[in-house]
Amino acid sequence: MTNLNSNIAMTRLHNQQLISTKFKKPLELISWLGAIQGQDYAGAKWALGLRLPGITDTYVENEFGAKTLLRTWLMRGTLQIVSADDIHWMLNLLAPRIIKKNTRRYRELELDDDTLKQSNQVLKESLEGGTELNRKELLIILRKKGIGTESNEQLISCRELPLMG
């Protein structure tokens, strides 16, 4: 059994590009992996740097700036980093199930369709032209517009928009 476990561990390390890598760019790596955990932004950049020897923080930041890498709520309520080339098929695959699963929670929070539509519109307008805002800034905008009564409700509103594409 130890031999089998050792083989499984080595295969995982190899497939995760931790032993060696055939990739030179973050976009290639993310496309291979599908996504990486993105809750901790610095940690996500470290995960890329660990797998791509010689890559710089500036290079990774430029990939995000060029929108070739995206940090979004794609799976569950967790931020992920994905390739812009892959985002549409991933959303088509994952979003309907997540939205359906969230329906009960939306009802508990009294988040109706009108509120979600209104928050999505406010967020779209706030992000037009490539404007980048963090979660705290987005929640402040929603609060100023009178959307949501609690931060959890507002946070769910922020998560809904990326699932809509």
N, C-alpha and C. Protein backbone atom coordinates (compact mmCIF):
# COMPACT_ATOMS: atom_id res chain seq x y z
N MET A 1 0.82 -1.20 0.00
CA MET A 1 0.00 0.00 0.00
C MET A 1 0.86 1.27 0.00
N THR A 2 2.00 1.22 0.67
CA THR A 2 2.89 2.38 0.71
C THR A 2 3.37 2.75 -0.68
N ASN A 3 3.67 1.74 -1.48
CA ASN A 3 4.12 1.98 -2.85
C ASN A 3 3.03 2.67 -3.67
N LEU A 4 1.78 2.20 -3.51
CA LEU A 4 0.65 2.79 -4.22
C LEU A 4 0.46 4.25 -3.78
N ASN A 5 0.49 4.49 -2.47
CA ASN A 5 0.34 5.85 -1.96
C ASN A 5 1.46 6.76 -2.45
N SER A 6 2.66 6.23 -2.51
CA SER A 6 3.80 6.99 -3.01
C SER A 6 3.61 7.36 -4.48
N ASN A 7 3.12 6.41 -5.27
CA ASN A 7 2.86 6.68 -6.69
C ASN A 7 1.76 7.73 -6.86
N ILE A 8 0.72 7.63 -6.06
CA ILE A 8 -0.37 8.61 -6.13
C ILE A 8 0.16 9.99 -5.77
N ALA A 9 0.94 10.07 -4.71
CA ALA A 9 1.50 11.36 -4.28
C ALA A 9 2.39 11.96 -5.36
N MET A 10 3.24 11.14 -5.95
CA MET A 10 4.14 11.64 -7.00
C MET A 10 3.36 12.09 -8.23
N THR A 11 2.32 11.34 -8.58
CA THR A 11 1.49 11.72 -9.73
C THR A 11 0.81 13.06 -9.47
N ARG A 12 0.31 13.25 -8.26
CA ARG A 12 -0.34 14.51 -7.92
C ARG A 12 0.66 15.67 -7.97
N LEU A 13 1.84 15.47 -7.40
CA LEU A 13 2.86 16.52 -7.44
C LEU A 13 3.24 16.86 -8.88
N HIS A 14 3.35 15.84 -9.71
CA HIS A 14 3.69 16.07 -11.12
C HIS A 14 2.56 16.83 -11.83
N ASN A 15 1.32 16.36 -11.66
CA ASN A 15 0.18 17.00 -12.34
C ASN A 15 -0.08 18.42 -11.84
N GLN A 16 0.28 18.68 -10.59
CA GLN A 16 0.13 20.03 -10.04
C GLN A 16 1.30 20.94 -10.43
N GLN A 17 2.22 20.39 -11.23
CA GLN A 17 3.38 21.15 -11.72
C GLN A 17 4.30 21.59 -10.58
N LEU A 18 4.38 20.77 -9.53
CA LEU A 18 5.21 21.12 -8.38
C LEU A 18 6.60 20.49 -8.43
N ILE A 19 6.77 19.41 -9.19
CA ILE A 19 8.08 18.78 -9.32
C ILE A 19 8.85 19.46 -10.44
N SER A 20 8.21 19.62 -11.54
CA SER A 20 8.77 20.33 -12.69
C SER A 20 7.58 20.85 -13.50
N THR A 21 7.88 21.76 -14.39
CA THR A 21 6.78 22.32 -15.18
C THR A 21 7.18 22.42 -16.64
N LYS A 22 6.18 22.30 -17.47
CA LYS A 22 6.41 22.49 -18.91
C LYS A 22 5.93 23.88 -19.33
N PHE A 23 5.44 24.65 -18.38
CA PHE A 23 4.85 25.95 -18.69
C PHE A 23 5.80 27.09 -18.36
N LYS A 24 5.64 28.18 -19.10
CA LYS A 24 6.49 29.36 -18.89
C LYS A 24 5.68 30.56 -18.40
N LYS A 25 4.36 30.54 -18.68
CA LYS A 25 3.52 31.69 -18.38
C LYS A 25 2.38 31.31 -17.44
N PRO A 26 1.95 32.26 -16.59
CA PRO A 26 0.83 31.99 -15.69
C PRO A 26 -0.44 31.54 -16.43
N LEU A 27 -0.72 32.14 -17.57
CA LEU A 27 -1.92 31.78 -18.32
C LEU A 27 -1.90 30.31 -18.74
N GLU A 28 -0.76 29.83 -19.20
CA GLU A 28 -0.63 28.42 -19.59
C GLU A 28 -0.85 27.51 -18.39
N LEU A 29 -0.27 27.88 -17.27
CA LEU A 29 -0.39 27.07 -16.06
C LEU A 29 -1.82 27.01 -15.56
N ILE A 30 -2.47 28.17 -15.49
CA ILE A 30 -3.86 28.21 -15.02
C ILE A 30 -4.76 27.42 -15.96
N SER A 31 -4.54 27.52 -17.25
CA SER A 31 -5.34 26.74 -18.20
C SER A 31 -5.15 25.24 -17.96
N TRP A 32 -3.94 24.82 -17.65
CA TRP A 32 -3.66 23.41 -17.35
C TRP A 32 -4.38 22.96 -16.08
N LEU A 33 -4.26 23.79 -15.03
CA LEU A 33 -4.84 23.43 -13.74
C LEU A 33 -6.36 23.62 -13.70
N GLY A 34 -6.87 24.49 -14.53
CA GLY A 34 -8.29 24.82 -14.52
C GLY A 34 -8.56 26.05 -13.68
N ALA A 35 -8.09 26.03 -12.45
CA ALA A 35 -8.26 27.15 -11.53
C ALA A 35 -7.35 26.92 -10.34
N ILE A 36 -7.05 28.00 -9.64
CA ILE A 36 -6.38 27.86 -8.35
C ILE A 36 -7.14 28.70 -7.33
N GLN A 37 -7.01 28.31 -6.08
CA GLN A 37 -7.64 29.03 -4.98
C GLN A 37 -7.17 30.48 -5.00
N GLY A 38 -8.10 31.41 -4.87
CA GLY A 38 -7.74 32.82 -4.98
C GLY A 38 -8.19 33.68 -3.82
N GLN A 39 -8.66 33.08 -2.71
CA GLN A 39 -9.11 33.87 -1.56
C GLN A 39 -7.99 34.79 -1.07
N ASP A 40 -6.83 34.21 -0.90
CA ASP A 40 -5.66 34.96 -0.44
C ASP A 40 -4.86 35.35 -1.69
N TYR A 41 -4.99 36.59 -2.09
CA TYR A 41 -4.39 37.04 -3.35
C TYR A 41 -2.87 36.83 -3.37
N ALA A 42 -2.21 37.22 -2.29
CA ALA A 42 -0.75 37.04 -2.23
C ALA A 42 -0.39 35.56 -2.28
N GLY A 43 -1.17 34.73 -1.61
CA GLY A 43 -0.94 33.29 -1.63
C GLY A 43 -1.15 32.70 -3.01
N ALA A 44 -2.13 33.21 -3.73
CA ALA A 44 -2.39 32.73 -5.09
C ALA A 44 -1.23 33.10 -6.01
N LYS A 45 -0.72 34.31 -5.85
CA LYS A 45 0.44 34.70 -6.66
C LYS A 45 1.65 33.85 -6.30
N TRP A 46 1.80 33.52 -5.02
CA TRP A 46 2.89 32.65 -4.59
C TRP A 46 2.74 31.27 -5.21
N ALA A 47 1.51 30.75 -5.28
CA ALA A 47 1.27 29.44 -5.89
C ALA A 47 1.71 29.44 -7.35
N LEU A 48 1.50 30.54 -8.05
CA LEU A 48 1.97 30.66 -9.43
C LEU A 48 3.50 30.72 -9.47
N GLY A 49 4.08 31.55 -8.62
CA GLY A 49 5.53 31.70 -8.58
C GLY A 49 6.25 30.41 -8.22
N LEU A 50 5.66 29.64 -7.34
CA LEU A 50 6.23 28.37 -6.93
C LEU A 50 6.34 27.40 -8.10
N ARG A 51 5.38 27.48 -8.99
CA ARG A 51 5.32 26.56 -10.13
C ARG A 51 6.02 27.09 -11.38
N LEU A 52 6.32 28.37 -11.41
CA LEU A 52 6.92 28.99 -12.59
C LEU A 52 8.22 29.69 -12.20
N PRO A 53 9.31 28.95 -12.14
CA PRO A 53 10.59 29.55 -11.74
C PRO A 53 10.94 30.76 -12.61
N GLY A 54 11.38 31.81 -11.96
CA GLY A 54 11.79 33.01 -12.67
C GLY A 54 10.68 34.00 -12.93
N ILE A 55 9.44 33.63 -12.66
CA ILE A 55 8.33 34.55 -12.90
C ILE A 55 8.36 35.64 -11.81
N THR A 56 8.05 36.85 -12.18
CA THR A 56 8.09 37.94 -11.21
C THR A 56 6.68 38.36 -10.79
N ASP A 57 6.61 39.02 -9.66
CA ASP A 57 5.33 39.54 -9.18
C ASP A 57 4.76 40.53 -10.19
N THR A 58 5.62 41.35 -10.76
CA THR A 58 5.18 42.33 -11.76
C THR A 58 4.56 41.64 -12.96
N TYR A 59 5.18 40.56 -13.41
CA TYR A 59 4.65 39.83 -14.56
C TYR A 59 3.24 39.30 -14.25
N VAL A 60 3.09 38.71 -13.07
CA VAL A 60 1.78 38.18 -12.68
C VAL A 60 0.76 39.31 -12.57
N GLU A 61 1.14 40.42 -11.96
CA GLU A 61 0.24 41.57 -11.86
C GLU A 61 -0.18 42.07 -13.25
N ASN A 62 0.75 42.07 -14.18
CA ASN A 62 0.42 42.50 -15.55
C ASN A 62 -0.58 41.55 -16.21
N GLU A 63 -0.51 40.26 -15.90
CA GLU A 63 -1.48 39.30 -16.43
C GLU A 63 -2.89 39.63 -15.92
N PHE A 64 -2.98 40.00 -14.65
CA PHE A 64 -4.28 40.40 -14.10
C PHE A 64 -4.72 41.72 -14.73
N GLY A 65 -3.79 42.65 -14.87
CA GLY A 65 -4.10 43.95 -15.47
C GLY A 65 -4.57 43.83 -16.91
N ALA A 66 -4.01 42.87 -17.64
CA ALA A 66 -4.40 42.64 -19.04
C ALA A 66 -5.67 41.80 -19.14
N LYS A 67 -6.19 41.38 -17.99
CA LYS A 67 -7.42 40.57 -17.92
C LYS A 67 -7.28 39.21 -18.58
N THR A 68 -6.05 38.69 -18.67
CA THR A 68 -5.88 37.31 -19.16
C THR A 68 -6.09 36.32 -18.03
N LEU A 69 -5.84 36.76 -16.80
CA LEU A 69 -6.16 35.99 -15.60
C LEU A 69 -7.24 36.74 -14.85
N LEU A 70 -8.21 36.01 -14.35
CA LEU A 70 -9.33 36.61 -13.64
C LEU A 70 -9.44 36.02 -12.24
N ARG A 71 -9.79 36.85 -11.29
CA ARG A 71 -10.05 36.40 -9.92
C ARG A 71 -11.52 36.64 -9.67
N THR A 72 -12.27 35.55 -9.52
CA THR A 72 -13.71 35.68 -9.46
C THR A 72 -14.32 34.58 -8.61
N TRP A 73 -15.59 34.78 -8.22
CA TRP A 73 -16.34 33.76 -7.50
C TRP A 73 -16.91 32.80 -8.53
N LEU A 74 -16.20 31.74 -8.78
CA LEU A 74 -16.62 30.79 -9.80
C LEU A 74 -17.22 29.53 -9.19
N MET A 75 -16.60 29.03 -8.14
CA MET A 75 -17.04 27.80 -7.51
C MET A 75 -17.36 28.09 -6.05
N ARG A 76 -18.47 27.59 -5.61
CA ARG A 76 -18.92 27.80 -4.24
C ARG A 76 -18.90 29.30 -3.95
N GLY A 77 -18.52 29.68 -2.75
CA GLY A 77 -18.40 31.09 -2.42
C GLY A 77 -16.95 31.50 -2.33
N THR A 78 -16.09 30.76 -3.00
CA THR A 78 -14.65 30.94 -2.89
C THR A 78 -14.10 31.63 -4.13
N LEU A 79 -13.22 32.59 -3.92
CA LEU A 79 -12.56 33.22 -5.05
C LEU A 79 -11.59 32.25 -5.70
N GLN A 80 -11.60 32.22 -7.01
CA GLN A 80 -10.71 31.37 -7.80
C GLN A 80 -10.00 32.24 -8.83
N ILE A 81 -8.82 31.79 -9.24
CA ILE A 81 -8.13 32.43 -10.36
C ILE A 81 -8.26 31.50 -11.55
N VAL A 82 -8.78 32.04 -12.65
CA VAL A 82 -9.00 31.26 -13.86
C VAL A 82 -8.50 32.04 -15.07
N SER A 83 -8.37 31.33 -16.16
CA SER A 83 -8.00 31.95 -17.43
C SER A 83 -9.22 32.64 -18.03
N ALA A 84 -9.00 33.82 -18.59
CA ALA A 84 -10.10 34.51 -19.28
C ALA A 84 -10.61 33.68 -20.45
N ASP A 85 -9.73 32.88 -21.04
CA ASP A 85 -10.14 32.01 -22.15
C ASP A 85 -11.10 30.92 -21.70
N ASP A 86 -11.05 30.55 -20.43
CA ASP A 86 -11.87 29.44 -19.92
C ASP A 86 -13.12 29.88 -19.17
N ILE A 87 -13.22 31.16 -18.84
CA ILE A 87 -14.29 31.60 -17.94
C ILE A 87 -15.69 31.30 -18.48
N HIS A 88 -15.91 31.45 -19.77
CA HIS A 88 -17.27 31.29 -20.29
C HIS A 88 -17.75 29.84 -20.22
N TRP A 89 -16.92 28.89 -20.63
CA TRP A 89 -17.37 27.50 -20.55
C TRP A 89 -17.51 27.06 -19.09
N MET A 90 -16.65 27.60 -18.22
CA MET A 90 -16.76 27.25 -16.80
C MET A 90 -18.05 27.80 -16.20
N LEU A 91 -18.37 29.05 -16.54
CA LEU A 91 -19.63 29.63 -16.06
C LEU A 91 -20.83 28.85 -16.59
N ASN A 92 -20.81 28.49 -17.86
CA ASN A 92 -21.91 27.71 -18.43
C ASN A 92 -22.09 26.39 -17.71
N LEU A 93 -20.99 25.80 -17.29
CA LEU A 93 -21.03 24.51 -16.61
C LEU A 93 -21.44 24.65 -15.14
N LEU A 94 -20.87 25.61 -14.44
CA LEU A 94 -21.01 25.69 -12.99
C LEU A 94 -22.11 26.62 -12.48
N ALA A 95 -22.31 27.75 -13.13
CA ALA A 95 -23.21 28.78 -12.59
C ALA A 95 -24.64 28.32 -12.38
N PRO A 96 -25.28 27.63 -13.33
CA PRO A 96 -26.68 27.27 -13.10
C PRO A 96 -26.90 26.46 -11.81
N ARG A 97 -26.02 25.53 -11.55
CA ARG A 97 -26.16 24.70 -10.35
C ARG A 97 -25.94 25.53 -9.09
N ILE A 98 -24.94 26.40 -9.11
CA ILE A 98 -24.65 27.23 -7.94
C ILE A 98 -25.80 28.19 -7.67
N ILE A 99 -26.31 28.82 -8.71
CA ILE A 99 -27.44 29.76 -8.55
C ILE A 99 -28.65 29.03 -7.99
N LYS A 100 -28.92 27.85 -8.51
CA LYS A 100 -30.06 27.06 -8.02
C LYS A 100 -29.86 26.68 -6.56
N LYS A 101 -28.66 26.28 -6.23
CA LYS A 101 -28.35 25.89 -4.85
C LYS A 101 -28.47 27.09 -3.91
N ASN A 102 -28.15 28.28 -4.38
CA ASN A 102 -28.20 29.49 -3.56
C ASN A 102 -29.62 30.00 -3.32
N THR A 103 -30.58 29.50 -4.06
CA THR A 103 -31.95 30.00 -3.99
C THR A 103 -32.49 29.99 -2.56
N ARG A 104 -32.27 28.90 -1.83
CA ARG A 104 -32.77 28.80 -0.46
C ARG A 104 -32.15 29.89 0.41
N ARG A 105 -30.85 30.08 0.27
CA ARG A 105 -30.16 31.10 1.07
C ARG A 105 -30.67 32.49 0.71
N TYR A 106 -30.93 32.72 -0.56
CA TYR A 106 -31.48 34.01 -0.99
C TYR A 106 -32.82 34.27 -0.29
N ARG A 107 -33.66 33.24 -0.23
CA ARG A 107 -34.96 33.40 0.43
C ARG A 107 -34.78 33.73 1.91
N GLU A 108 -33.84 33.02 2.59
CA GLU A 108 -33.58 33.28 4.01
C GLU A 108 -33.18 34.73 4.23
N LEU A 109 -32.44 35.29 3.30
CA LEU A 109 -31.97 36.67 3.42
C LEU A 109 -32.94 37.68 2.82
N GLU A 110 -34.06 37.18 2.34
CA GLU A 110 -35.06 38.02 1.68
C GLU A 110 -34.47 38.76 0.49
N LEU A 111 -33.61 38.05 -0.23
CA LEU A 111 -33.02 38.60 -1.45
C LEU A 111 -33.88 38.14 -2.62
N ASP A 112 -34.76 39.00 -3.08
CA ASP A 112 -35.63 38.62 -4.18
C ASP A 112 -34.98 38.96 -5.53
N ASP A 113 -35.63 38.53 -6.60
CA ASP A 113 -35.09 38.76 -7.94
C ASP A 113 -34.87 40.24 -8.23
N ASP A 114 -35.80 41.08 -7.79
CA ASP A 114 -35.67 42.52 -8.04
C ASP A 114 -34.42 43.09 -7.35
N THR A 115 -34.17 42.67 -6.11
CA THR A 115 -32.99 43.15 -5.39
C THR A 115 -31.72 42.69 -6.08
N LEU A 116 -31.70 41.42 -6.50
CA LEU A 116 -30.52 40.90 -7.20
C LEU A 116 -30.29 41.64 -8.52
N LYS A 117 -31.37 41.89 -9.26
CA LYS A 117 -31.24 42.63 -10.52
C LYS A 117 -30.72 44.04 -10.27
N GLN A 118 -31.27 44.69 -9.24
CA GLN A 118 -30.84 46.05 -8.91
C GLN A 118 -29.37 46.05 -8.50
N SER A 119 -28.97 45.11 -7.65
CA SER A 119 -27.57 45.08 -7.21
C SER A 119 -26.65 44.76 -8.38
N ASN A 120 -27.06 43.85 -9.26
CA ASN A 120 -26.24 43.54 -10.43
C ASN A 120 -26.06 44.77 -11.31
N GLN A 121 -27.11 45.55 -11.49
CA GLN A 121 -27.03 46.75 -12.31
C GLN A 121 -26.09 47.78 -11.68
N VAL A 122 -26.21 47.98 -10.38
CA VAL A 122 -25.34 48.93 -9.67
C VAL A 122 -23.89 48.48 -9.77
N LEU A 123 -23.64 47.19 -9.59
CA LEU A 123 -22.27 46.68 -9.66
C LEU A 123 -21.71 46.79 -11.07
N LYS A 124 -22.53 46.48 -12.07
CA LYS A 124 -22.07 46.62 -13.47
C LYS A 124 -21.66 48.05 -13.76
N GLU A 125 -22.52 48.99 -13.36
CA GLU A 125 -22.22 50.41 -13.59
C GLU A 125 -20.95 50.83 -12.85
N SER A 126 -20.76 50.31 -11.66
CA SER A 126 -19.59 50.66 -10.85
C SER A 126 -18.29 50.12 -11.45
N LEU A 127 -18.39 49.04 -12.20
CA LEU A 127 -17.20 48.38 -12.75
C LEU A 127 -16.97 48.69 -14.23
N GLU A 128 -17.83 49.54 -14.80
CA GLU A 128 -17.70 49.88 -16.22
C GLU A 128 -16.34 50.49 -16.52
N GLY A 129 -15.88 50.26 -17.72
CA GLY A 129 -14.64 50.86 -18.18
C GLY A 129 -13.40 50.25 -17.54
N GLY A 130 -13.55 49.07 -16.97
CA GLY A 130 -12.40 48.39 -16.38
C GLY A 130 -12.06 48.83 -14.97
N THR A 131 -12.94 49.59 -14.34
CA THR A 131 -12.72 50.01 -12.96
C THR A 131 -12.58 48.77 -12.08
N GLU A 132 -11.58 48.79 -11.22
CA GLU A 132 -11.38 47.68 -10.29
C GLU A 132 -11.69 48.14 -8.88
N LEU A 133 -12.54 47.39 -8.20
CA LEU A 133 -12.91 47.69 -6.83
C LEU A 133 -12.80 46.43 -6.00
N ASN A 134 -12.39 46.58 -4.75
CA ASN A 134 -12.34 45.41 -3.88
C ASN A 134 -13.71 45.18 -3.24
N ARG A 135 -13.81 44.09 -2.51
CA ARG A 135 -15.09 43.71 -1.91
C ARG A 135 -15.63 44.80 -1.00
N LYS A 136 -14.77 45.37 -0.17
CA LYS A 136 -15.21 46.42 0.75
C LYS A 136 -15.79 47.61 -0.01
N GLU A 137 -15.12 48.01 -1.07
CA GLU A 137 -15.60 49.14 -1.88
C GLU A 137 -16.93 48.82 -2.54
N LEU A 138 -17.09 47.59 -3.02
CA LEU A 138 -18.35 47.19 -3.63
C LEU A 138 -19.49 47.21 -2.61
N LEU A 139 -19.21 46.73 -1.41
CA LEU A 139 -20.24 46.72 -0.37
C LEU A 139 -20.64 48.13 0.02
N ILE A 140 -19.69 49.05 0.05
CA ILE A 140 -20.00 50.45 0.37
C ILE A 140 -20.93 51.03 -0.70
N ILE A 141 -20.65 50.75 -1.96
CA ILE A 141 -21.49 51.24 -3.06
C ILE A 141 -22.91 50.69 -2.92
N LEU A 142 -23.03 49.39 -2.65
CA LEU A 142 -24.37 48.80 -2.48
C LEU A 142 -25.10 49.44 -1.29
N ARG A 143 -24.39 49.65 -0.20
CA ARG A 143 -25.00 50.24 0.98
C ARG A 143 -25.49 51.65 0.69
N LYS A 144 -24.68 52.44 -0.03
CA LYS A 144 -25.08 53.81 -0.37
C LYS A 144 -26.32 53.83 -1.25
N LYS A 145 -26.49 52.80 -2.07
CA LYS A 145 -27.66 52.72 -2.94
C LYS A 145 -28.86 52.09 -2.22
N GLY A 146 -28.67 51.75 -0.94
CA GLY A 146 -29.76 51.18 -0.15
C GLY A 146 -30.06 49.73 -0.47
N ILE A 147 -29.08 49.03 -1.03
CA ILE A 147 -29.28 47.63 -1.38
C ILE A 147 -28.71 46.76 -0.28
N GLY A 148 -29.57 45.93 0.28
CA GLY A 148 -29.13 45.02 1.32
C GLY A 148 -29.12 45.68 2.67
N THR A 149 -29.42 44.89 3.67
CA THR A 149 -29.45 45.42 5.03
C THR A 149 -28.30 44.90 5.86
N GLU A 150 -27.70 43.81 5.42
CA GLU A 150 -26.58 43.22 6.16
C GLU A 150 -25.45 42.92 5.19
N SER A 151 -24.22 42.90 5.70
CA SER A 151 -23.07 42.66 4.82
C SER A 151 -23.15 41.30 4.15
N ASN A 152 -23.69 40.30 4.84
CA ASN A 152 -23.81 38.97 4.24
C ASN A 152 -24.72 39.02 3.02
N GLU A 153 -25.81 39.74 3.16
CA GLU A 153 -26.74 39.90 2.04
C GLU A 153 -26.06 40.62 0.88
N GLN A 154 -25.31 41.66 1.20
CA GLN A 154 -24.62 42.40 0.16
C GLN A 154 -23.53 41.56 -0.48
N LEU A 155 -22.85 40.75 0.33
CA LEU A 155 -21.79 39.89 -0.20
C LEU A 155 -22.37 38.90 -1.20
N ILE A 156 -23.51 38.34 -0.88
CA ILE A 156 -24.14 37.41 -1.82
C ILE A 156 -24.50 38.14 -3.10
N SER A 157 -24.94 39.39 -2.99
CA SER A 157 -25.21 40.18 -4.19
C SER A 157 -23.95 40.31 -5.03
N CYS A 158 -22.80 40.53 -4.38
CA CYS A 158 -21.53 40.65 -5.10
C CYS A 158 -21.14 39.33 -5.77
N ARG A 159 -21.48 38.22 -5.16
CA ARG A 159 -21.15 36.91 -5.73
C ARG A 159 -22.03 36.55 -6.91
N GLU A 160 -23.22 37.06 -6.92
CA GLU A 160 -24.19 36.69 -7.95
C GLU A 160 -23.77 37.21 -9.33
N LEU A 161 -23.29 38.44 -9.39
CA LEU A 161 -22.96 39.05 -10.67
C LEU A 161 -21.95 38.24 -11.48
N PRO A 162 -20.83 37.80 -10.90
CA PRO A 162 -19.89 37.01 -11.71
C PRO A 162 -20.51 35.72 -12.25
N LEU A 163 -21.44 35.14 -11.51
CA LEU A 163 -22.08 33.91 -11.98
C LEU A 163 -22.97 34.16 -13.20
N MET A 164 -23.41 35.39 -13.36
CA MET A 164 -24.25 35.75 -14.50
C MET A 164 -23.42 35.99 -15.76
N GLY A 165 -22.09 36.03 -15.60
CA GLY A 165 -21.22 36.23 -16.75
C GLY A 165 -20.96 37.68 -16.97
